[in-house]
Amino acid sequence: MKIVFIASLGFLSLAQTSLSVADNVNGKNIYLQRCAMCHGADLKATGPLANKSNPPTPNLTAAAFKKRLNDYPGVIVSSIILRPNGDLIPRTLRENGVKLAPFDWRVKDFRDLNEYMSGVISKSR
């Protein structure tokens, strides 16, 4: 009986890891399609539009942003939803001739994006 239980725990652990990776793929895809043009693939404000906005795109791996992410875990998602800089993102895209297809955000997409970006940010030095 113990062996079956332990094997079941191992399976559950593997299943959770697989789901996490799958969700992370969704988050990574959304990030690369919708965010990397400014923040760069490395989240360090290295995208082609990083210096085309005013204020310039922030480096999301900087110590100040890491602290903010730690203090306010939903800061990435809230920045997308609340747009604290008003029309900065749409204006920067428009002024640089970049057209993004409309995106029907789901709660899962916000969670996946937050998980992906948080993972990259926490691993960067």
N, C-alpha and C. Protein backbone atom coordinates (compact mmCIF):
# COMPACT_ATOMS: atom_id res chain seq x y z
N MET A 1 0.82 -1.19 0.00
CA MET A 1 0.00 0.00 0.00
C MET A 1 0.86 1.26 0.00
N LYS A 2 1.94 1.25 0.79
CA LYS A 2 2.83 2.41 0.85
C LYS A 2 3.47 2.70 -0.50
N ILE A 3 3.87 1.67 -1.22
CA ILE A 3 4.54 1.85 -2.51
C ILE A 3 3.60 2.52 -3.50
N VAL A 4 2.35 2.10 -3.53
CA VAL A 4 1.37 2.70 -4.43
C VAL A 4 1.17 4.17 -4.08
N PHE A 5 1.07 4.50 -2.81
CA PHE A 5 0.88 5.87 -2.36
C PHE A 5 2.07 6.74 -2.77
N ILE A 6 3.28 6.25 -2.54
CA ILE A 6 4.48 7.01 -2.91
C ILE A 6 4.56 7.18 -4.42
N ALA A 7 4.25 6.14 -5.15
CA ALA A 7 4.25 6.24 -6.61
C ALA A 7 3.22 7.27 -7.06
N SER A 8 2.06 7.29 -6.41
CA SER A 8 1.03 8.27 -6.75
C SER A 8 1.51 9.69 -6.50
N LEU A 9 2.21 9.90 -5.39
CA LEU A 9 2.75 11.24 -5.11
C LEU A 9 3.74 11.65 -6.18
N GLY A 10 4.58 10.73 -6.60
CA GLY A 10 5.54 11.03 -7.66
C GLY A 10 4.84 11.40 -8.95
N PHE A 11 3.76 10.69 -9.28
CA PHE A 11 2.99 11.00 -10.48
C PHE A 11 2.35 12.38 -10.38
N LEU A 12 1.77 12.68 -9.22
CA LEU A 12 1.16 14.00 -9.04
C LEU A 12 2.18 15.10 -9.18
N SER A 13 3.35 14.89 -8.62
CA SER A 13 4.42 15.88 -8.72
C SER A 13 4.81 16.09 -10.18
N LEU A 14 4.95 15.00 -10.93
CA LEU A 14 5.30 15.08 -12.34
C LEU A 14 4.20 15.78 -13.12
N ALA A 15 2.95 15.46 -12.81
CA ALA A 15 1.82 16.08 -13.51
C ALA A 15 1.80 17.58 -13.25
N GLN A 16 2.07 18.01 -12.02
CA GLN A 16 2.08 19.44 -11.71
C GLN A 16 3.21 20.13 -12.45
N THR A 17 4.37 19.49 -12.53
CA THR A 17 5.49 20.07 -13.26
C THR A 17 5.14 20.23 -14.73
N SER A 18 4.53 19.21 -15.32
CA SER A 18 4.16 19.27 -16.72
C SER A 18 3.16 20.39 -16.98
N LEU A 19 2.17 20.53 -16.10
CA LEU A 19 1.20 21.61 -16.27
C LEU A 19 1.88 22.97 -16.15
N SER A 20 2.80 23.10 -15.22
CA SER A 20 3.50 24.35 -15.03
C SER A 20 4.31 24.72 -16.27
N VAL A 21 4.98 23.74 -16.85
CA VAL A 21 5.76 23.98 -18.07
C VAL A 21 4.84 24.38 -19.20
N ALA A 22 3.70 23.69 -19.32
CA ALA A 22 2.75 24.03 -20.38
C ALA A 22 2.25 25.45 -20.23
N ASP A 23 1.91 25.84 -19.01
CA ASP A 23 1.46 27.20 -18.76
C ASP A 23 2.56 28.20 -19.06
N ASN A 24 3.77 27.85 -18.70
CA ASN A 24 4.90 28.73 -18.93
C ASN A 24 5.12 28.95 -20.43
N VAL A 25 4.87 27.93 -21.24
CA VAL A 25 4.99 28.07 -22.69
C VAL A 25 4.00 29.12 -23.18
N ASN A 26 2.77 29.06 -22.67
CA ASN A 26 1.78 30.07 -23.03
C ASN A 26 2.25 31.46 -22.60
N GLY A 27 2.74 31.58 -21.37
CA GLY A 27 3.25 32.86 -20.90
C GLY A 27 4.41 33.37 -21.74
N LYS A 28 5.32 32.47 -22.08
CA LYS A 28 6.47 32.86 -22.90
C LYS A 28 6.01 33.31 -24.28
N ASN A 29 5.08 32.58 -24.88
CA ASN A 29 4.59 32.97 -26.21
C ASN A 29 3.93 34.34 -26.18
N ILE A 30 3.09 34.57 -25.18
CA ILE A 30 2.44 35.88 -25.06
C ILE A 30 3.49 36.96 -24.88
N TYR A 31 4.46 36.71 -24.01
CA TYR A 31 5.51 37.70 -23.77
C TYR A 31 6.27 38.03 -25.06
N LEU A 32 6.71 36.99 -25.77
CA LEU A 32 7.50 37.22 -26.98
C LEU A 32 6.69 37.93 -28.06
N GLN A 33 5.39 37.65 -28.14
CA GLN A 33 4.55 38.28 -29.16
C GLN A 33 4.11 39.69 -28.80
N ARG A 34 3.95 39.98 -27.51
CA ARG A 34 3.31 41.24 -27.12
C ARG A 34 4.18 42.17 -26.28
N CYS A 35 5.28 41.67 -25.73
CA CYS A 35 6.06 42.47 -24.79
C CYS A 35 7.53 42.66 -25.21
N ALA A 36 8.08 41.65 -25.86
CA ALA A 36 9.51 41.65 -26.16
C ALA A 36 9.94 42.77 -27.10
N MET A 37 9.03 43.29 -27.89
CA MET A 37 9.41 44.36 -28.82
C MET A 37 9.92 45.60 -28.07
N CYS A 38 9.49 45.75 -26.83
CA CYS A 38 10.00 46.85 -26.01
C CYS A 38 10.95 46.34 -24.93
N HIS A 39 10.51 45.33 -24.18
CA HIS A 39 11.29 44.85 -23.04
C HIS A 39 12.43 43.92 -23.45
N GLY A 40 12.43 43.42 -24.69
CA GLY A 40 13.46 42.50 -25.15
C GLY A 40 13.21 41.10 -24.66
N ALA A 41 13.76 40.12 -25.35
CA ALA A 41 13.58 38.71 -24.97
C ALA A 41 14.14 38.45 -23.58
N ASP A 42 15.12 39.25 -23.17
CA ASP A 42 15.77 39.07 -21.86
C ASP A 42 15.15 39.91 -20.75
N LEU A 43 14.10 40.66 -21.06
CA LEU A 43 13.39 41.54 -20.11
C LEU A 43 14.24 42.72 -19.64
N LYS A 44 15.34 42.99 -20.31
CA LYS A 44 16.27 44.04 -19.88
C LYS A 44 16.15 45.32 -20.71
N ALA A 45 14.99 45.55 -21.28
CA ALA A 45 14.75 46.75 -22.09
C ALA A 45 15.68 46.80 -23.29
N THR A 46 15.81 45.67 -23.97
CA THR A 46 16.71 45.58 -25.13
C THR A 46 15.94 45.40 -26.44
N GLY A 47 14.62 45.53 -26.39
CA GLY A 47 13.83 45.37 -27.61
C GLY A 47 14.02 46.55 -28.54
N PRO A 48 13.65 46.39 -29.80
CA PRO A 48 13.85 47.46 -30.78
C PRO A 48 13.09 48.75 -30.47
N LEU A 49 12.04 48.68 -29.67
CA LEU A 49 11.29 49.89 -29.32
C LEU A 49 11.61 50.40 -27.91
N ALA A 50 12.60 49.82 -27.25
CA ALA A 50 12.89 50.16 -25.85
C ALA A 50 13.15 51.64 -25.63
N ASN A 51 13.84 52.27 -26.52
CA ASN A 51 14.18 53.69 -26.34
C ASN A 51 13.30 54.61 -27.16
N LYS A 52 12.21 54.09 -27.66
CA LYS A 52 11.32 54.89 -28.50
C LYS A 52 10.14 55.45 -27.72
N SER A 53 10.06 55.13 -26.44
CA SER A 53 8.96 55.66 -25.63
C SER A 53 9.50 56.67 -24.63
N ASN A 54 8.60 57.49 -24.12
CA ASN A 54 8.98 58.47 -23.11
C ASN A 54 8.02 58.34 -21.94
N PRO A 55 8.44 57.79 -20.83
CA PRO A 55 9.79 57.38 -20.46
C PRO A 55 10.20 56.10 -21.18
N PRO A 56 11.52 55.88 -21.27
CA PRO A 56 12.01 54.66 -21.93
C PRO A 56 11.54 53.41 -21.19
N THR A 57 11.52 52.31 -21.90
CA THR A 57 11.11 51.02 -21.34
C THR A 57 12.02 50.64 -20.18
N PRO A 58 11.44 50.20 -19.06
CA PRO A 58 12.28 49.81 -17.91
C PRO A 58 12.87 48.41 -18.06
N ASN A 59 14.03 48.25 -17.46
CA ASN A 59 14.68 46.95 -17.35
C ASN A 59 13.96 46.21 -16.22
N LEU A 60 13.25 45.15 -16.56
CA LEU A 60 12.45 44.43 -15.57
C LEU A 60 13.29 43.51 -14.69
N THR A 61 14.57 43.38 -14.99
CA THR A 61 15.44 42.54 -14.16
C THR A 61 16.25 43.38 -13.17
N ALA A 62 16.05 44.68 -13.18
CA ALA A 62 16.77 45.57 -12.26
C ALA A 62 16.32 45.32 -10.83
N ALA A 63 17.20 45.59 -9.89
CA ALA A 63 16.92 45.36 -8.47
C ALA A 63 15.64 46.07 -8.02
N ALA A 64 15.42 47.28 -8.49
CA ALA A 64 14.24 48.04 -8.07
C ALA A 64 12.96 47.34 -8.52
N PHE A 65 12.96 46.80 -9.74
CA PHE A 65 11.75 46.11 -10.20
C PHE A 65 11.58 44.78 -9.49
N LYS A 66 12.69 44.08 -9.23
CA LYS A 66 12.61 42.81 -8.49
C LYS A 66 11.99 43.05 -7.12
N LYS A 67 12.38 44.14 -6.46
CA LYS A 67 11.81 44.47 -5.15
C LYS A 67 10.33 44.76 -5.29
N ARG A 68 9.97 45.51 -6.29
CA ARG A 68 8.57 45.84 -6.53
C ARG A 68 7.75 44.58 -6.80
N LEU A 69 8.30 43.66 -7.58
CA LEU A 69 7.63 42.40 -7.87
C LEU A 69 7.47 41.58 -6.59
N ASN A 70 8.48 41.59 -5.75
CA ASN A 70 8.41 40.87 -4.49
C ASN A 70 7.37 41.49 -3.55
N ASP A 71 7.34 42.82 -3.49
CA ASP A 71 6.41 43.52 -2.61
C ASP A 71 4.97 43.46 -3.12
N TYR A 72 4.81 43.46 -4.44
CA TYR A 72 3.50 43.45 -5.08
C TYR A 72 3.48 42.38 -6.16
N PRO A 73 3.24 41.12 -5.79
CA PRO A 73 3.35 40.00 -6.74
C PRO A 73 2.54 40.14 -8.02
N GLY A 74 1.47 40.88 -8.02
CA GLY A 74 0.65 41.03 -9.22
C GLY A 74 1.00 42.25 -10.05
N VAL A 75 2.15 42.85 -9.81
CA VAL A 75 2.49 44.11 -10.47
C VAL A 75 2.55 43.98 -12.00
N ILE A 76 3.00 42.86 -12.51
CA ILE A 76 3.07 42.68 -13.96
C ILE A 76 1.66 42.69 -14.55
N VAL A 77 0.80 41.89 -13.96
CA VAL A 77 -0.57 41.81 -14.45
C VAL A 77 -1.29 43.13 -14.29
N SER A 78 -1.15 43.76 -13.15
CA SER A 78 -1.85 45.03 -12.94
C SER A 78 -1.34 46.11 -13.90
N SER A 79 -0.07 46.05 -14.28
CA SER A 79 0.46 47.02 -15.24
C SER A 79 -0.20 46.85 -16.60
N ILE A 80 -0.49 45.63 -16.96
CA ILE A 80 -1.14 45.36 -18.25
C ILE A 80 -2.60 45.82 -18.19
N ILE A 81 -3.27 45.49 -17.11
CA ILE A 81 -4.70 45.79 -16.99
C ILE A 81 -4.94 47.28 -16.73
N LEU A 82 -4.20 47.86 -15.79
CA LEU A 82 -4.47 49.23 -15.37
C LEU A 82 -3.76 50.29 -16.19
N ARG A 83 -2.72 49.92 -16.90
CA ARG A 83 -1.94 50.85 -17.72
C ARG A 83 -1.62 52.13 -16.98
N PRO A 84 -0.72 52.05 -15.99
CA PRO A 84 -0.41 53.23 -15.19
C PRO A 84 0.18 54.38 -16.00
N ASN A 85 0.69 54.09 -17.18
CA ASN A 85 1.26 55.15 -18.02
C ASN A 85 0.29 55.58 -19.12
N GLY A 86 -0.99 55.36 -18.90
CA GLY A 86 -2.00 55.81 -19.86
C GLY A 86 -1.86 55.12 -21.20
N ASP A 87 -1.71 55.91 -22.25
CA ASP A 87 -1.63 55.33 -23.59
C ASP A 87 -0.19 55.16 -24.07
N LEU A 88 0.77 55.10 -23.16
CA LEU A 88 2.18 55.00 -23.53
C LEU A 88 2.44 53.84 -24.49
N ILE A 89 1.96 52.67 -24.15
CA ILE A 89 2.22 51.50 -24.99
C ILE A 89 1.53 51.63 -26.35
N PRO A 90 0.21 51.89 -26.40
CA PRO A 90 -0.42 52.02 -27.71
C PRO A 90 0.18 53.15 -28.55
N ARG A 91 0.51 54.26 -27.90
CA ARG A 91 1.09 55.39 -28.63
C ARG A 91 2.46 55.03 -29.20
N THR A 92 3.30 54.37 -28.40
CA THR A 92 4.64 53.98 -28.87
C THR A 92 4.52 53.03 -30.06
N LEU A 93 3.62 52.07 -29.96
CA LEU A 93 3.42 51.14 -31.07
C LEU A 93 2.95 51.89 -32.31
N ARG A 94 1.95 52.74 -32.14
CA ARG A 94 1.38 53.49 -33.26
C ARG A 94 2.43 54.38 -33.91
N GLU A 95 3.21 55.11 -33.10
CA GLU A 95 4.21 56.03 -33.64
C GLU A 95 5.33 55.31 -34.38
N ASN A 96 5.50 54.03 -34.10
CA ASN A 96 6.56 53.26 -34.74
C ASN A 96 6.02 52.26 -35.76
N GLY A 97 4.76 52.42 -36.12
CA GLY A 97 4.16 51.61 -37.17
C GLY A 97 3.97 50.14 -36.82
N VAL A 98 3.91 49.82 -35.54
CA VAL A 98 3.73 48.43 -35.12
C VAL A 98 2.25 48.20 -34.86
N LYS A 99 1.72 47.19 -35.52
CA LYS A 99 0.31 46.84 -35.33
C LYS A 99 0.23 45.47 -34.69
N LEU A 100 -0.40 45.43 -33.53
CA LEU A 100 -0.63 44.16 -32.84
C LEU A 100 -2.08 43.77 -33.05
N ALA A 101 -2.29 42.51 -33.32
CA ALA A 101 -3.66 42.02 -33.44
C ALA A 101 -4.33 42.12 -32.07
N PRO A 102 -5.62 42.39 -32.04
CA PRO A 102 -6.32 42.39 -30.75
C PRO A 102 -6.13 41.03 -30.06
N PHE A 103 -6.16 41.07 -28.76
CA PHE A 103 -5.93 39.84 -27.99
C PHE A 103 -7.03 39.71 -26.96
N ASP A 104 -7.69 38.58 -26.95
CA ASP A 104 -8.73 38.31 -25.96
C ASP A 104 -8.09 37.70 -24.73
N TRP A 105 -7.70 38.54 -23.79
CA TRP A 105 -7.03 38.10 -22.58
C TRP A 105 -7.97 37.23 -21.74
N ARG A 106 -7.44 36.13 -21.26
CA ARG A 106 -8.14 35.28 -20.31
C ARG A 106 -7.38 35.37 -18.99
N VAL A 107 -8.02 35.06 -17.90
CA VAL A 107 -7.35 35.07 -16.61
C VAL A 107 -6.12 34.17 -16.66
N LYS A 108 -6.24 33.01 -17.31
CA LYS A 108 -5.13 32.08 -17.44
C LYS A 108 -3.93 32.75 -18.15
N ASP A 109 -4.20 33.56 -19.15
CA ASP A 109 -3.12 34.23 -19.88
C ASP A 109 -2.36 35.19 -18.96
N PHE A 110 -3.10 35.93 -18.13
CA PHE A 110 -2.44 36.83 -17.18
C PHE A 110 -1.58 36.05 -16.20
N ARG A 111 -2.12 34.95 -15.70
CA ARG A 111 -1.37 34.13 -14.75
C ARG A 111 -0.13 33.54 -15.41
N ASP A 112 -0.29 33.03 -16.63
CA ASP A 112 0.84 32.41 -17.32
C ASP A 112 1.93 33.45 -17.62
N LEU A 113 1.52 34.63 -18.07
CA LEU A 113 2.47 35.69 -18.36
C LEU A 113 3.20 36.11 -17.09
N ASN A 114 2.46 36.29 -16.02
CA ASN A 114 3.07 36.68 -14.75
C ASN A 114 4.06 35.61 -14.29
N GLU A 115 3.68 34.33 -14.41
CA GLU A 115 4.55 33.24 -13.99
C GLU A 115 5.83 33.22 -14.83
N TYR A 116 5.68 33.36 -16.15
CA TYR A 116 6.85 33.35 -17.03
C TYR A 116 7.80 34.51 -16.71
N MET A 117 7.26 35.72 -16.67
CA MET A 117 8.10 36.88 -16.43
C MET A 117 8.73 36.84 -15.04
N SER A 118 7.95 36.44 -14.04
CA SER A 118 8.50 36.35 -12.69
C SER A 118 9.65 35.36 -12.63
N GLY A 119 9.50 34.25 -13.35
CA GLY A 119 10.57 33.24 -13.38
C GLY A 119 11.84 33.78 -14.01
N VAL A 120 11.70 34.47 -15.12
CA VAL A 120 12.88 35.05 -15.79
C VAL A 120 13.51 36.13 -14.92
N ILE A 121 12.69 36.96 -14.32
CA ILE A 121 13.19 38.05 -13.48
C ILE A 121 13.93 37.49 -12.25
N SER A 122 13.37 36.48 -11.62
CA SER A 122 13.99 35.95 -10.41
C SER A 122 15.31 35.24 -10.72
N LYS A 123 15.47 34.74 -11.94
CA LYS A 123 16.70 34.03 -12.32
C LYS A 123 17.81 34.99 -12.78
N SER A 124 17.44 36.20 -13.16
CA SER A 124 18.45 37.13 -13.69
C SER A 124 19.26 37.73 -12.55
N ARG A 125 20.42 38.14 -12.90
CA ARG A 125 21.33 38.75 -11.89
C ARG A 125 21.61 40.18 -12.20
